[in-house]
N, C-alpha and C. Protein backbone atom coordinates (compact mmCIF):
# COMPACT_ATOMS: atom_id res chain seq x y z
N MET A 1 91.60 34.71 11.31
CA MET A 1 90.24 34.57 11.75
C MET A 1 90.18 33.90 13.12
N SER A 2 90.98 32.85 13.32
CA SER A 2 90.94 32.13 14.60
C SER A 2 91.53 32.99 15.72
N ARG A 3 92.49 33.87 15.37
CA ARG A 3 93.03 34.78 16.39
C ARG A 3 91.96 35.75 16.88
N ALA A 4 91.14 36.23 15.97
CA ALA A 4 90.07 37.15 16.34
C ALA A 4 89.06 36.44 17.24
N LEU A 5 88.75 35.22 16.91
CA LEU A 5 87.82 34.44 17.73
C LEU A 5 88.40 34.18 19.11
N ALA A 6 89.67 33.83 19.16
CA ALA A 6 90.34 33.58 20.44
C ALA A 6 90.38 34.86 21.28
N ALA A 7 90.64 35.97 20.65
CA ALA A 7 90.67 37.25 21.36
C ALA A 7 89.29 37.59 21.91
N CYS A 8 88.27 37.35 21.12
CA CYS A 8 86.91 37.63 21.55
C CYS A 8 86.54 36.76 22.75
N ILE A 9 86.90 35.49 22.70
CA ILE A 9 86.61 34.58 23.81
C ILE A 9 87.35 35.02 25.06
N ALA A 10 88.59 35.42 24.92
CA ALA A 10 89.39 35.87 26.07
C ALA A 10 88.77 37.10 26.72
N VAL A 11 88.32 38.04 25.90
CA VAL A 11 87.69 39.25 26.43
C VAL A 11 86.40 38.89 27.16
N CYS A 12 85.61 38.00 26.59
CA CYS A 12 84.35 37.60 27.23
C CYS A 12 84.61 36.90 28.56
N LEU A 13 85.59 36.04 28.59
CA LEU A 13 85.91 35.34 29.83
C LEU A 13 86.44 36.30 30.90
N ALA A 14 87.21 37.27 30.47
CA ALA A 14 87.75 38.24 31.42
C ALA A 14 86.65 39.13 31.98
N ALA A 15 85.64 39.40 31.18
CA ALA A 15 84.56 40.28 31.63
C ALA A 15 83.54 39.55 32.48
N SER A 16 83.47 38.25 32.43
CA SER A 16 82.45 37.49 33.16
C SER A 16 82.42 37.76 34.65
N PRO A 17 83.56 37.77 35.36
CA PRO A 17 83.48 38.03 36.79
C PRO A 17 82.89 39.41 37.11
N VAL A 18 83.09 40.37 36.25
CA VAL A 18 82.55 41.71 36.48
C VAL A 18 81.03 41.67 36.40
N LEU A 19 80.49 40.82 35.55
CA LEU A 19 79.05 40.76 35.35
C LEU A 19 78.34 39.91 36.38
N ALA A 20 79.09 39.15 37.17
CA ALA A 20 78.48 38.27 38.17
C ALA A 20 77.81 39.09 39.26
N ALA A 21 76.73 38.54 39.79
CA ALA A 21 76.00 39.21 40.86
C ALA A 21 76.78 39.09 42.17
N SER A 22 76.45 39.94 43.11
CA SER A 22 77.10 39.90 44.42
C SER A 22 76.76 38.60 45.13
N PRO A 23 77.56 38.22 46.11
CA PRO A 23 77.27 36.98 46.85
C PRO A 23 75.88 36.98 47.49
N LYS A 24 75.43 38.13 47.97
CA LYS A 24 74.09 38.23 48.57
C LYS A 24 73.01 37.92 47.55
N VAL A 25 73.14 38.45 46.36
CA VAL A 25 72.16 38.22 45.31
C VAL A 25 72.28 36.79 44.78
N GLU A 26 73.50 36.30 44.63
CA GLU A 26 73.70 34.91 44.18
C GLU A 26 73.04 33.95 45.16
N SER A 27 73.17 34.22 46.44
CA SER A 27 72.54 33.38 47.46
C SER A 27 71.02 33.42 47.33
N ALA A 28 70.48 34.61 47.12
CA ALA A 28 69.03 34.75 46.95
C ALA A 28 68.55 33.98 45.73
N ILE A 29 69.30 34.06 44.65
CA ILE A 29 68.93 33.36 43.42
C ILE A 29 68.89 31.85 43.66
N LYS A 30 69.87 31.34 44.41
CA LYS A 30 69.89 29.90 44.73
C LYS A 30 68.66 29.51 45.54
N VAL A 31 68.27 30.35 46.48
CA VAL A 31 67.08 30.07 47.29
C VAL A 31 65.84 30.06 46.40
N PHE A 32 65.71 31.02 45.50
CA PHE A 32 64.55 31.07 44.61
C PHE A 32 64.50 29.83 43.71
N LYS A 33 65.65 29.38 43.24
CA LYS A 33 65.69 28.17 42.41
C LYS A 33 65.29 26.95 43.23
N ALA A 34 65.70 26.91 44.50
CA ALA A 34 65.33 25.79 45.37
C ALA A 34 63.82 25.78 45.61
N VAL A 35 63.23 26.95 45.79
CA VAL A 35 61.78 27.04 45.97
C VAL A 35 61.08 26.56 44.70
N ALA A 36 61.58 26.95 43.56
CA ALA A 36 60.98 26.53 42.29
C ALA A 36 61.04 25.02 42.11
N ALA A 37 62.07 24.39 42.66
CA ALA A 37 62.25 22.94 42.51
C ALA A 37 61.45 22.13 43.53
N ASP A 38 60.93 22.78 44.55
CA ASP A 38 60.18 22.09 45.61
C ASP A 38 58.69 22.38 45.42
N ALA A 39 57.92 21.36 45.05
CA ALA A 39 56.51 21.55 44.71
C ALA A 39 55.72 22.19 45.85
N ASN A 40 55.98 21.78 47.09
CA ASN A 40 55.23 22.34 48.23
C ASN A 40 55.59 23.81 48.46
N LYS A 41 56.87 24.11 48.39
CA LYS A 41 57.28 25.51 48.59
C LYS A 41 56.80 26.38 47.44
N LEU A 42 56.82 25.83 46.24
CA LEU A 42 56.33 26.60 45.09
C LEU A 42 54.85 26.91 45.26
N LYS A 43 54.09 25.95 45.73
CA LYS A 43 52.66 26.16 45.97
C LYS A 43 52.45 27.27 47.01
N THR A 44 53.26 27.24 48.06
CA THR A 44 53.18 28.27 49.11
C THR A 44 53.55 29.64 48.54
N TYR A 45 54.63 29.68 47.76
CA TYR A 45 55.07 30.94 47.15
C TYR A 45 53.97 31.52 46.25
N CYS A 46 53.37 30.66 45.43
CA CYS A 46 52.33 31.13 44.50
C CYS A 46 51.12 31.65 45.26
N ALA A 47 50.76 30.98 46.34
CA ALA A 47 49.65 31.45 47.17
C ALA A 47 49.99 32.81 47.78
N MET A 48 51.24 32.97 48.21
CA MET A 48 51.67 34.24 48.80
C MET A 48 51.60 35.37 47.77
N THR A 49 52.03 35.10 46.55
CA THR A 49 52.01 36.17 45.54
C THR A 49 50.58 36.59 45.20
N LYS A 50 49.64 35.63 45.25
CA LYS A 50 48.24 35.99 45.01
C LYS A 50 47.73 36.92 46.10
N VAL A 51 48.10 36.65 47.34
CA VAL A 51 47.69 37.51 48.45
C VAL A 51 48.37 38.87 48.31
N MET A 52 49.64 38.87 47.91
CA MET A 52 50.35 40.15 47.72
C MET A 52 49.68 40.97 46.63
N ASP A 53 49.29 40.32 45.56
CA ASP A 53 48.60 41.03 44.47
C ASP A 53 47.27 41.60 44.96
N ALA A 54 46.56 40.83 45.77
CA ALA A 54 45.28 41.30 46.32
C ALA A 54 45.49 42.48 47.26
N ALA A 55 46.57 42.43 48.02
CA ALA A 55 46.86 43.50 48.98
C ALA A 55 47.28 44.77 48.27
N ALA A 56 47.98 44.62 47.16
CA ALA A 56 48.53 45.76 46.42
C ALA A 56 49.21 46.73 47.38
N ASP A 57 48.77 47.97 47.39
CA ASP A 57 49.37 48.97 48.27
C ASP A 57 48.49 49.26 49.49
N LYS A 58 47.44 48.46 49.65
CA LYS A 58 46.53 48.68 50.78
C LYS A 58 47.15 48.17 52.07
N GLU A 59 46.84 48.84 53.15
CA GLU A 59 47.22 48.37 54.47
C GLU A 59 46.07 47.51 54.99
N ASP A 60 46.29 46.22 55.03
CA ASP A 60 45.27 45.29 55.51
C ASP A 60 45.94 44.31 56.45
N PRO A 61 45.72 44.46 57.76
CA PRO A 61 46.38 43.59 58.74
C PRO A 61 46.13 42.10 58.49
N LYS A 62 44.94 41.76 58.00
CA LYS A 62 44.62 40.36 57.74
C LYS A 62 45.51 39.80 56.61
N LEU A 63 45.63 40.57 55.54
CA LEU A 63 46.46 40.13 54.42
C LEU A 63 47.94 40.13 54.81
N ASP A 64 48.35 41.13 55.58
CA ASP A 64 49.73 41.18 56.05
C ASP A 64 50.07 39.96 56.89
N ALA A 65 49.12 39.54 57.73
CA ALA A 65 49.33 38.35 58.56
C ALA A 65 49.44 37.10 57.70
N GLN A 66 48.63 37.03 56.65
CA GLN A 66 48.70 35.89 55.74
C GLN A 66 50.06 35.83 55.06
N ILE A 67 50.53 36.97 54.60
CA ILE A 67 51.83 37.04 53.92
C ILE A 67 52.94 36.61 54.88
N GLU A 68 52.88 37.11 56.11
CA GLU A 68 53.88 36.71 57.12
C GLU A 68 53.85 35.21 57.35
N GLY A 69 52.65 34.63 57.38
CA GLY A 69 52.52 33.19 57.55
C GLY A 69 53.16 32.42 56.41
N PHE A 70 52.95 32.89 55.20
CA PHE A 70 53.58 32.25 54.04
C PHE A 70 55.10 32.36 54.12
N MET A 71 55.58 33.54 54.51
CA MET A 71 57.03 33.75 54.64
C MET A 71 57.62 32.75 55.65
N LYS A 72 56.94 32.57 56.77
CA LYS A 72 57.41 31.61 57.78
C LYS A 72 57.44 30.20 57.21
N GLN A 73 56.41 29.84 56.43
CA GLN A 73 56.38 28.51 55.82
C GLN A 73 57.53 28.32 54.84
N LEU A 74 57.88 29.38 54.14
CA LEU A 74 58.97 29.29 53.16
C LEU A 74 60.34 29.24 53.83
N GLY A 75 60.42 29.70 55.06
CA GLY A 75 61.63 29.56 55.84
C GLY A 75 62.51 30.80 55.90
N PRO A 76 63.45 30.79 56.85
CA PRO A 76 64.32 31.95 57.06
C PRO A 76 65.23 32.25 55.87
N ASP A 77 65.65 31.21 55.15
CA ASP A 77 66.48 31.46 53.97
C ASP A 77 65.71 32.24 52.91
N PHE A 78 64.42 31.90 52.77
CA PHE A 78 63.59 32.63 51.80
C PHE A 78 63.40 34.07 52.24
N VAL A 79 63.15 34.27 53.52
CA VAL A 79 62.95 35.64 54.03
C VAL A 79 64.20 36.47 53.76
N THR A 80 65.36 35.89 54.03
CA THR A 80 66.63 36.59 53.77
C THR A 80 66.77 36.90 52.28
N ALA A 81 66.45 35.91 51.45
CA ALA A 81 66.54 36.10 50.00
C ALA A 81 65.58 37.19 49.53
N TRP A 82 64.35 37.16 50.05
CA TRP A 82 63.34 38.15 49.67
C TRP A 82 63.79 39.55 50.06
N ASN A 83 64.35 39.67 51.25
CA ASN A 83 64.79 40.97 51.75
C ASN A 83 66.07 41.47 51.08
N ALA A 84 66.72 40.61 50.32
CA ALA A 84 67.94 41.02 49.61
C ALA A 84 67.66 42.11 48.58
N ALA A 85 66.41 42.26 48.20
CA ALA A 85 66.04 43.28 47.21
C ALA A 85 66.15 44.70 47.76
N GLU A 86 66.08 44.82 49.08
CA GLU A 86 66.14 46.15 49.68
C GLU A 86 67.43 46.86 49.31
N GLY A 87 67.29 48.03 48.76
CA GLY A 87 68.45 48.83 48.41
C GLY A 87 69.06 48.51 47.06
N LEU A 88 68.51 47.52 46.35
CA LEU A 88 69.04 47.20 45.02
C LEU A 88 68.51 48.18 43.99
N ASP A 89 69.38 48.60 43.10
CA ASP A 89 68.98 49.42 41.96
C ASP A 89 68.51 48.47 40.87
N ASP A 90 67.28 48.62 40.43
CA ASP A 90 66.72 47.73 39.41
C ASP A 90 67.55 47.70 38.13
N ASN A 91 68.30 48.77 37.86
CA ASN A 91 69.09 48.85 36.64
C ASN A 91 70.52 48.33 36.81
N SER A 92 70.90 47.98 38.04
CA SER A 92 72.24 47.44 38.27
C SER A 92 72.27 45.97 37.88
N ALA A 93 73.47 45.41 37.77
CA ALA A 93 73.61 43.98 37.46
C ALA A 93 72.93 43.14 38.54
N ASP A 94 73.12 43.54 39.81
CA ASP A 94 72.48 42.80 40.90
C ASP A 94 70.96 42.90 40.82
N GLY A 95 70.46 44.09 40.57
CA GLY A 95 69.02 44.29 40.48
C GLY A 95 68.41 43.49 39.34
N LYS A 96 69.08 43.49 38.21
CA LYS A 96 68.57 42.74 37.06
C LYS A 96 68.60 41.24 37.33
N ALA A 97 69.69 40.75 37.92
CA ALA A 97 69.80 39.31 38.22
C ALA A 97 68.74 38.90 39.23
N TYR A 98 68.55 39.71 40.26
CA TYR A 98 67.56 39.42 41.30
C TYR A 98 66.16 39.40 40.71
N ASN A 99 65.82 40.44 39.96
CA ASN A 99 64.48 40.53 39.39
C ASN A 99 64.21 39.41 38.38
N THR A 100 65.21 39.02 37.63
CA THR A 100 65.05 37.90 36.70
C THR A 100 64.74 36.62 37.46
N ALA A 101 65.45 36.41 38.57
CA ALA A 101 65.22 35.20 39.38
C ALA A 101 63.81 35.19 39.96
N VAL A 102 63.35 36.33 40.46
CA VAL A 102 61.99 36.42 41.02
C VAL A 102 60.96 36.22 39.89
N ASP A 103 61.22 36.82 38.74
CA ASP A 103 60.31 36.66 37.60
C ASP A 103 60.24 35.19 37.16
N ASP A 104 61.39 34.53 37.15
CA ASP A 104 61.43 33.11 36.77
C ASP A 104 60.62 32.28 37.76
N LEU A 105 60.79 32.57 39.04
CA LEU A 105 60.04 31.85 40.07
C LEU A 105 58.54 32.12 39.93
N SER A 106 58.19 33.37 39.77
CA SER A 106 56.76 33.74 39.64
C SER A 106 56.15 33.14 38.38
N GLY A 107 56.97 33.00 37.34
CA GLY A 107 56.51 32.43 36.09
C GLY A 107 56.08 30.96 36.23
N LYS A 108 56.52 30.32 37.28
CA LYS A 108 56.14 28.92 37.52
C LYS A 108 54.77 28.80 38.19
N CYS A 109 54.23 29.93 38.63
CA CYS A 109 52.90 29.92 39.24
C CYS A 109 51.86 29.91 38.12
N THR A 110 50.84 29.10 38.30
CA THR A 110 49.82 29.02 37.23
C THR A 110 48.51 29.60 37.71
């Protein structure tokens, strides 16, 4: 019984690096966690998401300018992290990890 458990643990540990997100996505996740931990940045992020929701798919220069302003307030690391989503497949390990991090951050908005 203990051999089976040891074998299972070994297989899980060997598979872990394969399941890890790419460095680009890992970096983005760290930035999102930092924003979540900073009350001022979290407030800015939440305000930005409300404007994004209001903008939806509409082209509105006023709303676009507001979003850009929020992005600048959040900083270049956040902009890089946000743009890391470009080209990600939502069904890939990277896409799932990235989307989970964004969902976790958005979940902190009230």
